[in-house]
Amino acid sequence: MVRFGQAVVGAPGAGKSTYAKAIFNHILGQNKDVAIINLDPAVSFPEATVDICTLVEHADVMEELELGPNGALVYCMELLLENIDWLLAEIEKIPKSSYLVFDFPGQAELYSVHDCVEKLVFQLQKNHIRLCAVYFTEARHAANAHHFTAALLATLSSMLRLALPAVNVLSKLDVAPRLAARLEVFTEPVDLERFFIDSSDDECDTEQTGRKRIKTRRRRIRERVSAQLADVATSYGLVRFHPLVVTDEKLLQVVLSHANSAIGMKIGDEDLLLAANRDATFEFMGSTAFAQEEYIDKFHERS
């Protein structure tokens, strides 16, 4: 029997665990079975049905093996991969009807240098667990075009490594600083280059001192490189972001419905995407406009 769920990934502090708890309660509220599987050995997760901390704890590895935080995390994930039978046996105890929410650790090394997460995902798929990757990026990165381009490239790199159907989330909109442009520019990033100054059209001010002139040239070189990187990231056409505030049921429902649509999930004869849209009647751009007005505009009106 095929099982369905989400692999929640993203940078540390992006809101993955908070989302896992929120989507758990959201699905429970729809009278559906759901289980959280915590694969982050550095996070305490009382709500998790299966917890890697039962097998190994990050703090213990750091102390006993005298490893740093990142080295200990890599060790824990490699140990989990060696004990994949334990994980699969624990998952097997969960009712077959349960929707599975996997909370993954966020350190970039696990997705760029090491392949343990990639191999772990492969083993889950091999055992008929169909996952949609939900990638988290903090909305604060959209306050600066350079930072957003870096976040975009990191997301794209992880997507290509894991090779899962994907939904990308721009999180923590309710506490985001002022964005560099309106939200729709970042949820559908197709022309980020226009946020970088074209140095070829902007001559140096002859009144500038030599030191200022050097700084200006360096800034323009950085902007030109960032613009080219943004072009690389957007040329794939794979990354678009769904706005999210985890306390907002409508925005949660949009993420859930798109994730389930990506993996073709159905319950009996009922398409879960259609069921979800009874609660979230606005489509992608509707949710973006809603988030802009409800959270970003109102947040800056208060501040």
C-alpha atoms as a PDB file:
ATOM      1  CA  MET A   1       0.000   0.000   0.000  1.00  0.00           C
ATOM      2  CA  VAL A   2       1.299   3.440  -0.940  1.00  0.00           C
ATOM      3  CA  ARG A   3       1.579   5.930   1.918  1.00  0.00           C
ATOM      4  CA  PHE A   4       1.627   9.696   1.509  1.00  0.00           C
ATOM      5  CA  GLY A   5       3.270  12.571   3.301  1.00  0.00           C
ATOM      6  CA  GLN A   6       5.622  15.542   3.352  1.00  0.00           C
ATOM      7  CA  ALA A   7       9.370  15.927   3.797  1.00  0.00           C
ATOM      8  CA  VAL A   8       9.738  19.275   5.565  1.00  0.00           C
ATOM      9  CA  VAL A   9      13.154  20.785   4.802  1.00  0.00           C
ATOM     10  CA  GLY A  10      14.819  24.180   4.900  1.00  0.00           C
ATOM     11  CA  ALA A  11      17.423  26.244   6.709  1.00  0.00           C
ATOM     12  CA  PRO A  12      17.654  26.139  10.522  1.00  0.00           C
ATOM     13  CA  GLY A  13      15.215  28.561  12.113  1.00  0.00           C
ATOM     14  CA  ALA A  14      12.976  28.789   9.043  1.00  0.00           C
ATOM     15  CA  GLY A  15       9.973  27.425  10.943  1.00  0.00           C
ATOM     16  CA  LYS A  16       9.974  23.752   9.912  1.00  0.00           C
ATOM     17  CA  SER A  17       9.138  22.227  13.292  1.00  0.00           C
ATOM     18  CA  THR A  18       6.531  24.898  14.010  1.00  0.00           C
ATOM     19  CA  TYR A  19       4.953  24.116  10.640  1.00  0.00           C
ATOM     20  CA  ALA A  20       5.034  20.368  11.339  1.00  0.00           C
ATOM     21  CA  LYS A  21       3.054  20.917  14.544  1.00  0.00           C
ATOM     22  CA  ALA A  22       0.659  23.325  12.811  1.00  0.00           C
ATOM     23  CA  ILE A  23      -0.043  21.057   9.844  1.00  0.00           C
ATOM     24  CA  PHE A  24      -0.456  18.118  12.259  1.00  0.00           C
ATOM     25  CA  ASN A  25      -3.209  19.967  14.135  1.00  0.00           C
ATOM     26  CA  HIS A  26      -4.700  21.279  10.880  1.00  0.00           C
ATOM     27  CA  ILE A  27      -5.074  17.785   9.421  1.00  0.00           C
ATOM     28  CA  LEU A  28      -6.411  16.442  12.718  1.00  0.00           C
ATOM     29  CA  GLY A  29      -9.010  19.198  12.554  1.00  0.00           C
ATOM     30  CA  GLN A  30     -10.201  17.700   9.260  1.00  0.00           C
ATOM     31  CA  ASN A  31     -10.774  14.374  11.060  1.00  0.00           C
ATOM     32  CA  LYS A  32      -7.914  12.678   9.192  1.00  0.00           C
ATOM     33  CA  ASP A  33      -5.139  10.535  10.637  1.00  0.00           C
ATOM     34  CA  VAL A  34      -1.690  12.127  10.746  1.00  0.00           C
ATOM     35  CA  ALA A  35       1.679  11.386  12.348  1.00  0.00           C
ATOM     36  CA  ILE A  36       4.875  13.400  12.804  1.00  0.00           C
ATOM     37  CA  ILE A  37       8.214  11.653  12.267  1.00  0.00           C
ATOM     38  CA  ASN A  38      11.065  13.694  13.732  1.00  0.00           C
ATOM     39  CA  LEU A  39      14.376  13.128  11.933  1.00  0.00           C
ATOM     40  CA  ASP A  40      16.210  16.042  13.556  1.00  0.00           C
ATOM     41  CA  PRO A  41      18.287  14.687  16.472  1.00  0.00           C
ATOM     42  CA  ALA A  42      18.881  18.213  17.780  1.00  0.00           C
ATOM     43  CA  VAL A  43      15.180  18.986  18.268  1.00  0.00           C
ATOM     44  CA  SER A  44      12.944  17.808  21.081  1.00  0.00           C
ATOM     45  CA  PHE A  45       9.567  16.891  19.592  1.00  0.00           C
ATOM     46  CA  PRO A  46       7.036  15.522  22.118  1.00  0.00           C
ATOM     47  CA  GLU A  47       4.297  15.375  19.454  1.00  0.00           C
ATOM     48  CA  ALA A  48       6.324  13.024  17.234  1.00  0.00           C
ATOM     49  CA  THR A  49       5.044   9.476  16.819  1.00  0.00           C
ATOM     50  CA  VAL A  50       8.519   8.386  15.683  1.00  0.00           C
ATOM     51  CA  ASP A  51      11.556  10.289  16.960  1.00  0.00           C
ATOM     52  CA  ILE A  52      15.194   9.857  15.934  1.00  0.00           C
ATOM     53  CA  CYS A  53      16.121  10.909  19.482  1.00  0.00           C
ATOM     54  CA  THR A  54      14.970   7.450  20.569  1.00  0.00           C
ATOM     55  CA  LEU A  55      17.866   6.094  18.512  1.00  0.00           C
ATOM     56  CA  VAL A  56      20.483   8.813  18.949  1.00  0.00           C
ATOM     57  CA  GLU A  57      20.641  12.306  20.437  1.00  0.00           C
ATOM     58  CA  HIS A  58      22.672  15.148  19.005  1.00  0.00           C
ATOM     59  CA  ALA A  59      23.902  16.419  22.393  1.00  0.00           C
ATOM     60  CA  ASP A  60      25.123  12.954  23.425  1.00  0.00           C
ATOM     61  CA  VAL A  61      27.107  12.549  20.204  1.00  0.00           C
ATOM     62  CA  MET A  62      28.727  15.962  20.654  1.00  0.00           C
ATOM     63  CA  GLU A  63      29.763  15.098  24.209  1.00  0.00           C
ATOM     64  CA  GLU A  64      30.884  11.502  23.743  1.00  0.00           C
ATOM     65  CA  LEU A  65      32.650  11.869  20.384  1.00  0.00           C
ATOM     66  CA  GLU A  66      33.792  15.474  20.935  1.00  0.00           C
ATOM     67  CA  LEU A  67      32.295  16.623  17.645  1.00  0.00           C
ATOM     68  CA  GLY A  68      31.045  20.068  16.724  1.00  0.00           C
ATOM     69  CA  PRO A  69      27.331  20.717  16.058  1.00  0.00           C
ATOM     70  CA  ASN A  70      27.482  20.049  12.315  1.00  0.00           C
ATOM     71  CA  GLY A  71      29.776  17.027  12.587  1.00  0.00           C
ATOM     72  CA  ALA A  72      27.539  15.501  15.242  1.00  0.00           C
ATOM     73  CA  LEU A  73      24.475  16.039  13.068  1.00  0.00           C
ATOM     74  CA  VAL A  74      26.111  14.316  10.093  1.00  0.00           C
ATOM     75  CA  TYR A  75      27.085  11.417  12.376  1.00  0.00           C
ATOM     76  CA  CYS A  76      23.486  11.095  13.623  1.00  0.00           C
ATOM     77  CA  MET A  77      22.037  11.047  10.110  1.00  0.00           C
ATOM     78  CA  GLU A  78      24.570   8.471   8.928  1.00  0.00           C
ATOM     79  CA  LEU A  79      23.724   6.342  11.970  1.00  0.00           C
ATOM     80  CA  LEU A  80      20.029   6.616  11.111  1.00  0.00           C
ATOM     81  CA  LEU A  81      20.775   5.484   7.570  1.00  0.00           C
ATOM     82  CA  GLU A  82      22.686   2.479   8.938  1.00  0.00           C
ATOM     83  CA  ASN A  83      19.619   1.694  11.072  1.00  0.00           C
ATOM     84  CA  ILE A  84      17.043   2.298   8.351  1.00  0.00           C
ATOM     85  CA  ASP A  85      15.297  -0.967   9.291  1.00  0.00           C
ATOM     86  CA  TRP A  86      14.554   0.511  12.720  1.00  0.00           C
ATOM     87  CA  LEU A  87      12.970   3.591  11.137  1.00  0.00           C
ATOM     88  CA  LEU A  88      10.899   1.569   8.677  1.00  0.00           C
ATOM     89  CA  ALA A  89       9.718  -0.742  11.463  1.00  0.00           C
ATOM     90  CA  GLU A  90       8.611   2.248  13.550  1.00  0.00           C
ATOM     91  CA  ILE A  91       6.755   3.728  10.577  1.00  0.00           C
ATOM     92  CA  GLU A  92       5.096   0.367   9.973  1.00  0.00           C
ATOM     93  CA  LYS A  93       3.474   0.640  13.424  1.00  0.00           C
ATOM     94  CA  ILE A  94       1.658   3.814  12.343  1.00  0.00           C
ATOM     95  CA  PRO A  95      -1.853   3.201  10.928  1.00  0.00           C
ATOM     96  CA  LYS A  96      -1.809   2.911   7.136  1.00  0.00           C
ATOM     97  CA  SER A  97      -4.371   5.695   6.829  1.00  0.00           C
ATOM     98  CA  SER A  98      -2.069   8.229   8.510  1.00  0.00           C
ATOM     99  CA  TYR A  99      -0.583  11.137   6.602  1.00  0.00           C
ATOM    100  CA  LEU A 100       3.162  11.244   7.401  1.00  0.00           C
ATOM    101  CA  VAL A 101       4.967  14.512   8.171  1.00  0.00           C
ATOM    102  CA  PHE A 102       8.764  14.068   8.218  1.00  0.00           C
ATOM    103  CA  ASP A 103      10.645  16.885   9.952  1.00  0.00           C
ATOM    104  CA  PHE A 104      14.211  16.931   8.561  1.00  0.00           C
ATOM    105  CA  PRO A 105      17.241  18.776   9.983  1.00  0.00           C
ATOM    106  CA  GLY A 106      18.163  21.998   8.232  1.00  0.00           C
ATOM    107  CA  GLN A 107      21.974  22.150   8.042  1.00  0.00           C
ATOM    108  CA  ALA A 108      23.028  22.893   4.464  1.00  0.00           C
ATOM    109  CA  GLU A 109      25.871  20.336   4.538  1.00  0.00           C
ATOM    110  CA  LEU A 110      23.356  17.502   4.612  1.00  0.00           C
ATOM    111  CA  TYR A 111      21.969  18.577   1.239  1.00  0.00           C
ATOM    112  CA  SER A 112      25.057  19.940  -0.508  1.00  0.00           C
ATOM    113  CA  VAL A 113      28.103  17.934   0.657  1.00  0.00           C
ATOM    114  CA  HIS A 114      26.779  14.715   2.194  1.00  0.00           C
ATOM    115  CA  ASP A 115      24.280  12.352   0.598  1.00  0.00           C
ATOM    116  CA  CYS A 116      22.777  10.737   3.726  1.00  0.00           C
ATOM    117  CA  VAL A 117      19.466  12.632   3.436  1.00  0.00           C
ATOM    118  CA  GLU A 118      19.299  11.851  -0.270  1.00  0.00           C
ATOM    119  CA  LYS A 119      19.819   8.136   0.461  1.00  0.00           C
ATOM    120  CA  LEU A 120      17.302   8.249   3.301  1.00  0.00           C
ATOM    121  CA  VAL A 121      14.636   9.725   1.027  1.00  0.00           C
ATOM    122  CA  PHE A 122      15.407   7.037  -1.555  1.00  0.00           C
ATOM    123  CA  GLN A 123      14.853   4.307   1.056  1.00  0.00           C
ATOM    124  CA  LEU A 124      11.522   5.826   2.066  1.00  0.00           C
ATOM    125  CA  GLN A 125      10.390   5.944  -1.561  1.00  0.00           C
ATOM    126  CA  LYS A 126      11.603   2.392  -2.093  1.00  0.00           C
ATOM    127  CA  ASN A 127       9.254   1.353   0.713  1.00  0.00           C
ATOM    128  CA  HIS A 128       6.224   2.918  -0.975  1.00  0.00           C
ATOM    129  CA  ILE A 129       6.191   6.208   0.925  1.00  0.00           C
ATOM    130  CA  ARG A 130       5.332   8.922  -1.570  1.00  0.00           C
ATOM    131  CA  LEU A 131       6.618  12.300  -0.387  1.00  0.00           C
ATOM    132  CA  CYS A 132       6.320  15.914  -1.413  1.00  0.00           C
ATOM    133  CA  ALA A 133       9.244  18.051  -0.240  1.00  0.00           C
ATOM    134  CA  VAL A 134       8.090  21.270   1.427  1.00  0.00           C
ATOM    135  CA  TYR A 135      11.046  23.683   1.317  1.00  0.00           C
ATOM    136  CA  PHE A 136      11.088  26.543   3.822  1.00  0.00           C
ATOM    137  CA  THR A 137      12.688  29.949   3.213  1.00  0.00           C
ATOM    138  CA  GLU A 138      12.273  32.800   5.687  1.00  0.00           C
ATOM    139  CA  ALA A 139      10.527  35.874   4.298  1.00  0.00           C
ATOM    140  CA  ARG A 140      13.228  38.103   5.817  1.00  0.00           C
ATOM    141  CA  HIS A 141      15.496  37.090   2.931  1.00  0.00           C
ATOM    142  CA  ALA A 142      13.153  38.947   0.581  1.00  0.00           C
ATOM    143  CA  ALA A 143      14.171  42.222   2.230  1.00  0.00           C
ATOM    144  CA  ASN A 144      17.426  42.073   0.275  1.00  0.00           C
ATOM    145  CA  ALA A 145      17.765  40.893  -3.317  1.00  0.00           C
ATOM    146  CA  HIS A 146      21.255  39.448  -2.716  1.00  0.00           C
ATOM    147  CA  HIS A 147      20.082  37.390   0.266  1.00  0.00           C
ATOM    148  CA  PHE A 148      16.996  36.206  -1.592  1.00  0.00           C
ATOM    149  CA  THR A 149      19.099  35.072  -4.553  1.00  0.00           C
ATOM    150  CA  ALA A 150      21.324  33.051  -2.187  1.00  0.00           C
ATOM    151  CA  ALA A 151      18.251  31.477  -0.561  1.00  0.00           C
ATOM    152  CA  LEU A 152      16.797  30.738  -3.990  1.00  0.00           C
ATOM    153  CA  LEU A 153      19.977  28.945  -5.085  1.00  0.00           C
ATOM    154  CA  ALA A 154      20.084  26.919  -1.847  1.00  0.00           C
ATOM    155  CA  THR A 155      16.470  25.850  -2.361  1.00  0.00           C
ATOM    156  CA  LEU A 156      17.077  24.935  -5.991  1.00  0.00           C
ATOM    157  CA  SER A 157      20.181  22.918  -5.068  1.00  0.00           C
ATOM    158  CA  SER A 158      18.245  20.904  -2.465  1.00  0.00           C
ATOM    159  CA  MET A 159      15.372  20.336  -4.886  1.00  0.00           C
ATOM    160  CA  LEU A 160      17.695  18.936  -7.534  1.00  0.00           C
ATOM    161  CA  ARG A 161      19.492  16.697  -5.020  1.00  0.00           C
ATOM    162  CA  LEU A 162      16.388  15.173  -3.436  1.00  0.00           C
ATOM    163  CA  ALA A 163      14.464  14.926  -6.723  1.00  0.00           C
ATOM    164  CA  LEU A 164      11.055  14.964  -5.030  1.00  0.00           C
ATOM    165  CA  PRO A 165       7.864  16.758  -6.068  1.00  0.00           C
ATOM    166  CA  ALA A 166       8.184  20.098  -4.331  1.00  0.00           C
ATOM    167  CA  VAL A 167       6.268  22.965  -2.780  1.00  0.00           C
ATOM    168  CA  ASN A 168       8.280  26.013  -1.721  1.00  0.00           C
ATOM    169  CA  VAL A 169       7.189  28.138   1.211  1.00  0.00           C
ATOM    170  CA  LEU A 170       8.047  31.725   2.153  1.00  0.00           C
ATOM    171  CA  SER A 171       7.597  31.551   5.913  1.00  0.00           C
ATOM    172  CA  LYS A 172       7.222  33.956   8.849  1.00  0.00           C
ATOM    173  CA  LEU A 173       5.507  36.647   6.787  1.00  0.00           C
ATOM    174  CA  ASP A 174       3.877  38.015   9.920  1.00  0.00           C
ATOM    175  CA  VAL A 175       7.255  39.071  11.345  1.00  0.00           C
ATOM    176  CA  ALA A 176       9.128  39.853   8.124  1.00  0.00           C
ATOM    177  CA  PRO A 177      10.918  43.190   7.693  1.00  0.00           C
ATOM    178  CA  ARG A 178       9.949  45.458   4.826  1.00  0.00           C
ATOM    179  CA  LEU A 179      10.400  43.508   1.585  1.00  0.00           C
ATOM    180  CA  ALA A 180      12.452  44.803  -1.341  1.00  0.00           C
ATOM    181  CA  ALA A 181       9.303  44.693  -3.506  1.00  0.00           C
ATOM    182  CA  ARG A 182       5.727  43.481  -3.333  1.00  0.00           C
ATOM    183  CA  LEU A 183       5.260  39.870  -2.315  1.00  0.00           C
ATOM    184  CA  GLU A 184       4.230  38.579  -5.742  1.00  0.00           C
ATOM    185  CA  VAL A 185       7.698  39.427  -7.105  1.00  0.00           C
ATOM    186  CA  PHE A 186       9.224  36.878  -4.728  1.00  0.00           C
ATOM    187  CA  THR A 187       6.513  34.222  -4.762  1.00  0.00           C
ATOM    188  CA  GLU A 188       6.917  33.979  -8.544  1.00  0.00           C
ATOM    189  CA  PRO A 189      10.568  35.036  -9.094  1.00  0.00           C
ATOM    190  CA  VAL A 190      11.005  35.405 -12.852  1.00  0.00           C
ATOM    191  CA  ASP A 191      12.793  38.744 -13.168  1.00  0.00           C
ATOM    192  CA  LEU A 192      14.968  39.290 -10.103  1.00  0.00           C
ATOM    193  CA  GLU A 193      17.746  40.816 -12.188  1.00  0.00           C
ATOM    194  CA  ARG A 194      15.886  44.114 -12.336  1.00  0.00           C
ATOM    195  CA  PHE A 195      16.541  44.596  -8.616  1.00  0.00           C
ATOM    196  CA  PHE A 196      20.257  44.875  -9.267  1.00  0.00           C
ATOM    197  CA  ILE A 197      21.745  48.053 -10.657  1.00  0.00           C
ATOM    198  CA  ASP A 198      23.183  47.672 -14.146  1.00  0.00           C
ATOM    199  CA  SER A 199      26.629  49.144 -13.666  1.00  0.00           C
ATOM    200  CA  SER A 200      27.129  49.628 -17.387  1.00  0.00           C
ATOM    201  CA  ASP A 201      24.446  52.332 -17.365  1.00  0.00           C
ATOM    202  CA  ASP A 202      25.720  54.088 -14.259  1.00  0.00           C
ATOM    203  CA  GLU A 203      29.023  55.903 -14.620  1.00  0.00           C
ATOM    204  CA  CYS A 204      31.154  56.655 -11.603  1.00  0.00           C
ATOM    205  CA  ASP A 205      30.746  60.117 -10.154  1.00  0.00           C
ATOM    206  CA  THR A 206      33.860  62.115 -11.072  1.00  0.00           C
ATOM    207  CA  GLU A 207      33.559  63.945  -7.742  1.00  0.00           C
ATOM    208  CA  GLN A 208      34.155  60.732  -5.814  1.00  0.00           C
ATOM    209  CA  THR A 209      37.464  60.155  -4.080  1.00  0.00           C
ATOM    210  CA  GLY A 210      39.637  57.248  -5.177  1.00  0.00           C
ATOM    211  CA  ARG A 211      38.575  55.116  -2.194  1.00  0.00           C
ATOM    212  CA  LYS A 212      34.867  55.759  -2.803  1.00  0.00           C
ATOM    213  CA  ARG A 213      35.315  55.004  -6.489  1.00  0.00           C
ATOM    214  CA  ILE A 214      36.851  51.614  -5.645  1.00  0.00           C
ATOM    215  CA  LYS A 215      33.953  50.816  -3.282  1.00  0.00           C
ATOM    216  CA  THR A 216      31.460  51.784  -5.981  1.00  0.00           C
ATOM    217  CA  ARG A 217      33.141  49.521  -8.533  1.00  0.00           C
ATOM    218  CA  ARG A 218      33.180  46.625  -6.069  1.00  0.00           C
ATOM    219  CA  ARG A 219      29.493  47.139  -5.309  1.00  0.00           C
ATOM    220  CA  ARG A 220      28.653  47.101  -9.014  1.00  0.00           C
ATOM    221  CA  ILE A 221      30.681  43.943  -9.584  1.00  0.00           C
ATOM    222  CA  ARG A 222      28.812  42.261  -6.713  1.00  0.00           C
ATOM    223  CA  GLU A 223      25.479  43.413  -8.150  1.00  0.00           C
ATOM    224  CA  ARG A 224      26.385  42.140 -11.611  1.00  0.00           C
ATOM    225  CA  VAL A 225      27.376  38.722 -10.221  1.00  0.00           C
ATOM    226  CA  SER A 226      24.200  38.545  -8.116  1.00  0.00           C
ATOM    227  CA  ALA A 227      22.081  39.431 -11.144  1.00  0.00           C
ATOM    228  CA  GLN A 228      23.691  36.637 -13.157  1.00  0.00           C
ATOM    229  CA  LEU A 229      23.153  34.155 -10.307  1.00  0.00           C
ATOM    230  CA  ALA A 230      19.520  35.240 -10.055  1.00  0.00           C
ATOM    231  CA  ASP A 231      19.168  34.594 -13.772  1.00  0.00           C
ATOM    232  CA  VAL A 232      20.577  31.073 -13.312  1.00  0.00           C
ATOM    233  CA  ALA A 233      18.164  30.347 -10.450  1.00  0.00           C
ATOM    234  CA  THR A 234      15.069  31.652 -12.215  1.00  0.00           C
ATOM    235  CA  SER A 235      15.930  30.145 -15.608  1.00  0.00           C
ATOM    236  CA  TYR A 236      15.087  26.667 -14.273  1.00  0.00           C
ATOM    237  CA  GLY A 237      11.502  27.790 -13.731  1.00  0.00           C
ATOM    238  CA  LEU A 238      11.211  25.351 -10.811  1.00  0.00           C
ATOM    239  CA  VAL A 239      11.024  27.631  -7.791  1.00  0.00           C
ATOM    240  CA  ARG A 240       7.868  29.509  -6.864  1.00  0.00           C
ATOM    241  CA  PHE A 241       6.936  30.288  -3.288  1.00  0.00           C
ATOM    242  CA  HIS A 242       3.684  29.986  -1.389  1.00  0.00           C
ATOM    243  CA  PRO A 243       3.282  32.594   1.367  1.00  0.00           C
ATOM    244  CA  LEU A 244       2.762  31.149   4.825  1.00  0.00           C
ATOM    245  CA  VAL A 245       1.901  32.206   8.340  1.00  0.00           C
ATOM    246  CA  VAL A 246       1.515  29.007  10.371  1.00  0.00           C
ATOM    247  CA  THR A 247      -1.331  30.406  12.467  1.00  0.00           C
ATOM    248  CA  ASP A 248      -3.406  31.120   9.347  1.00  0.00           C
ATOM    249  CA  GLU A 249      -5.590  28.129   8.459  1.00  0.00           C
ATOM    250  CA  LYS A 250      -6.262  29.372   4.926  1.00  0.00           C
ATOM    251  CA  LEU A 251      -2.583  29.648   4.021  1.00  0.00           C
ATOM    252  CA  LEU A 252      -1.855  26.290   5.661  1.00  0.00           C
ATOM    253  CA  GLN A 253      -4.611  24.730   3.579  1.00  0.00           C
ATOM    254  CA  VAL A 254      -3.160  26.120   0.351  1.00  0.00           C
ATOM    255  CA  VAL A 255       0.250  24.582   1.115  1.00  0.00           C
ATOM    256  CA  LEU A 256      -1.377  21.268   2.039  1.00  0.00           C
ATOM    257  CA  SER A 257      -3.527  21.116  -1.072  1.00  0.00           C
ATOM    258  CA  HIS A 258      -0.606  21.887  -3.405  1.00  0.00           C
ATOM    259  CA  ALA A 259       1.616  19.336  -1.656  1.00  0.00           C
ATOM    260  CA  ASN A 260      -1.034  16.641  -1.994  1.00  0.00           C
ATOM    261  CA  SER A 261      -1.707  17.565  -5.598  1.00  0.00           C
ATOM    262  CA  ALA A 262       2.028  17.193  -6.338  1.00  0.00           C
ATOM    263  CA  ILE A 263       2.031  13.560  -5.142  1.00  0.00           C
ATOM    264  CA  GLY A 264      -1.393  12.680  -6.563  1.00  0.00           C
ATOM    265  CA  MET A 265      -2.935  11.889  -3.206  1.00  0.00           C
ATOM    266  CA  LYS A 266      -6.546  10.768  -3.070  1.00  0.00           C
ATOM    267  CA  ILE A 267      -8.740   9.466  -0.280  1.00  0.00           C
ATOM    268  CA  GLY A 268     -11.079   6.919  -1.790  1.00  0.00           C
ATOM    269  CA  ASP A 269     -12.723   8.613  -4.738  1.00  0.00           C
ATOM    270  CA  GLU A 270     -12.222  12.063  -3.278  1.00  0.00           C
ATOM    271  CA  ASP A 271      -9.341  14.200  -4.523  1.00  0.00           C
ATOM    272  CA  LEU A 272      -7.836  15.876  -1.464  1.00  0.00           C
ATOM    273  CA  LEU A 273      -7.013  18.963  -3.513  1.00  0.00           C
ATOM    274  CA  LEU A 274     -10.702  19.520  -4.198  1.00  0.00           C
ATOM    275  CA  ALA A 275     -11.539  18.873  -0.552  1.00  0.00           C
ATOM    276  CA  ALA A 276      -8.924  21.409   0.503  1.00  0.00           C
ATOM    277  CA  ASN A 277     -10.263  24.057  -1.835  1.00  0.00           C
ATOM    278  CA  ARG A 278     -13.573  24.060   0.010  1.00  0.00           C
ATOM    279  CA  ASP A 279     -11.717  25.842   2.795  1.00  0.00           C
ATOM    280  CA  ALA A 280      -9.166  27.736   0.676  1.00  0.00           C
ATOM    281  CA  THR A 281     -11.156  29.044  -2.266  1.00  0.00           C
ATOM    282  CA  PHE A 282      -8.466  31.375  -3.557  1.00  0.00           C
ATOM    283  CA  GLU A 283      -5.813  30.079  -5.938  1.00  0.00           C
ATOM    284  CA  PHE A 284      -2.075  30.751  -5.848  1.00  0.00           C
ATOM    285  CA  MET A 285      -2.094  34.469  -6.688  1.00  0.00           C
ATOM    286  CA  GLY A 286      -5.128  34.917  -4.471  1.00  0.00           C
ATOM    287  CA  SER A 287      -3.196  33.614  -1.468  1.00  0.00           C
ATOM    288  CA  THR A 288      -0.284  35.913  -2.320  1.00  0.00           C
ATOM    289  CA  ALA A 289      -2.504  38.988  -2.505  1.00  0.00           C
ATOM    290  CA  PHE A 290      -4.218  37.915   0.718  1.00  0.00           C
ATOM    291  CA  ALA A 291      -0.875  37.536   2.540  1.00  0.00           C
ATOM    292  CA  GLN A 292       0.373  40.889   1.234  1.00  0.00           C
ATOM    293  CA  GLU A 293      -2.683  42.725   2.521  1.00  0.00           C
ATOM    294  CA  GLU A 294      -3.333  40.754   5.694  1.00  0.00           C
ATOM    295  CA  TYR A 295       0.204  40.471   7.031  1.00  0.00           C
ATOM    296  CA  ILE A 296       2.836  42.570   5.277  1.00  0.00           C
ATOM    297  CA  ASP A 297       0.853  45.777   4.737  1.00  0.00           C
ATOM    298  CA  LYS A 298      -0.812  45.629   8.159  1.00  0.00           C
ATOM    299  CA  PHE A 299       2.469  44.801   9.899  1.00  0.00           C
ATOM    300  CA  HIS A 300       4.132  47.913   8.496  1.00  0.00           C
ATOM    301  CA  GLU A 301       1.080  50.044   9.245  1.00  0.00           C
ATOM    302  CA  ARG A 302       1.476  49.097  12.914  1.00  0.00           C
ATOM    303  CA  SER A 303       5.253  49.580  12.975  1.00  0.00           C
END
